[in-house]
């Protein structure tokens, strides 16, 4: 054991020694590196100055032969007479004579000895000596030849856009600005700063300056529409330009729609197209008639969309086609040609499919011009072209189209005519977007279409209804979200849904995919939403009953929901139990005297017979049992309260009628003196 311990101790010591040597070596390398870095910095500061003289190349030294001395030994370093060491001593020159005879080289001259010409490079400040802002100015002057012009123009722009400047002063500034940028606007329009100057001139300048600007830039409309900054000037042209100028802008887009939506500038240029085709939607105060008048034909507004689908549309623009009213071939005619056996139709088929499916990207699908293209396809060309391929391409991204009228209709066509697998993909694409879709004007129609055709109601409840239920209050308090709830509870009720909406939804009734019975589908979806809806009323009874827009939702839930309605009815009865006093402000009205609250109570009483037939509790009996004594007498002192009592008598439920008459004993004289209509009708009922 001792031997083993000695061996381990000696090995540990050796390892420690090796480690110490390595550490010293690393430290030495670091020190050498630091010294090298310092030397490099010093060289950069001081500059490289060449040596004053070049040393002569040393002659090759030959080792002297071994000479044997008298002692018989070899002598090293001792030269014989005339040996090489003696020659080097004789021929060596002193440094004084060397400096006197050799001419100084050009590199030996110091910078101080140079005579700098006035205004030369040596007088200019070096770039590294300037401040950060000064360096920026110097770089811009070198890279931008219009830098000085841009600086002066921006100074005028700062004054021109002030609100307190008079119109006369603005015109003077516009004149100065135009004089400055005249002929150079094509060079300035694509810069982020000077484009704002030109936009300001378009906005505040007179017709003369606007026309002159348009003449200089009319050939650059499409490149400007694709530009990150110049696109805003195109918007200004659309807004402030004349009818002729807007027409020219539209014609400049002719034949470019497919290219614009396929390249990287799709988001920029498609926005311009949207503004050119629907300026009113973008907030500009120009009438639709003015825009239509600026277009080449009656259907000219749609030409940009048509070109996206078939770039060869000019190929079909024959003489007969020009005589037609539309003057442009529709997608229906194009699709009919596509199926034709002739050479022209076969040539257009690949481009038709390729360009139709090309804009299937999120940033492109957000624009209405693309939505119009797909809607035209589903409306006109679906019988001629393969509809399933388009639906399969759109099913995962159609959620990005539903915010417009045309996009929502495209999504509805995908839902109606897609396979069960396509519908499943569409439902999954709505994940995390359900509430947002519910509360949008056009998007909520897609959910109504899904409620009509999806056979897998469990998947519908899992992906759509569950997310909607988590934000049920937000959905119910929104006018469009409320429509979705009403559709789930009372499908296509004419009281809540306009005939045009019903007619639109009926287009999907004859689809070839849905197999489940419609009544069974309705009941399954109604069961999925009934319990949360009843709980919503129980928790927010006063807020919902007294709100005019929500009172009909309350009635629909209580009349059509499946499940226990007692908690919701009790919440409304609790509101009726509160002490009644006339003459209060509208905000503190009793539910009986308040307009929407009175309507809810009255309708619940009128539908009590149907509720009893379904086996649900009677609202009238619950109300009369909970009301304190003398409460009905206070109600008949107002017009609306009298009508509620009349509704109780008209139920023809014996127990209810008997209790009401007993409660109102001795009220005939008071009713006879009242002047409102409800008291008159109630008095007739009591007699």
Foldseek 3Di string as FASTA:
>chain_A
DVVVVVVVVVVVVVVVVVVVVVVVVVVVVVVVVVVVVVVVVVCVVVDDQDDFDDDDDDDDDDADDFDADPVRDTDHPDDDVVDPVVVCVVPDDDPVVVVVPDDTDPSNDDPVVDDDDPPDPVPDDDLVVDDPVVNVVVVCVVPPVCVVLLVVLVVLVVVLPDPPDDLVVNAVSLVVNCVSCPPPCVVQCQDQRSVVSVLSSLVSPDPVSVVSVCVNCLVPLVVLQLGPRSVVSLLSCLQRPALQSLQSSLVVCQLCLLVCLQDPSVLRNLVSLLCSLCVVVVPRPDDNVSSCSSYDANPRSLRSLVCLQFSCQVVVQDPVCCPDRRNGDAVLVLLVLLQDPDPVNVVRVVSRVCSLLSNLDLSNLLHVSNLVNLLSCLVRNVVRDPPAVVLVSCLLPLVSNQQDQSSLLSLLSSLLAYALVSVLNNLVSCAVVQLVLQQHDRSVLSVLSNLQAHPPVVSCCVRHVVVCLVVVVSLCVHLRSVVSVLCLQPNPDVVNDPPVSVVSSVVSNPHPHGDDDRVVSSVSSLQSCLVSLLVVLLVCVVVQQLDQSRLVVLLSSLVRHDDANVSNLVSLLVLLQDAADPDDDQVPHRLQPRDSSLVNLLVLLLCQVVCVVVVYDGSLVVNLVRHDQPSLVRLLVDQSSLVSLVSQCVSPPVVSNVSSLVSCPPCLVVLVPDDDPSSVVSNVSSD
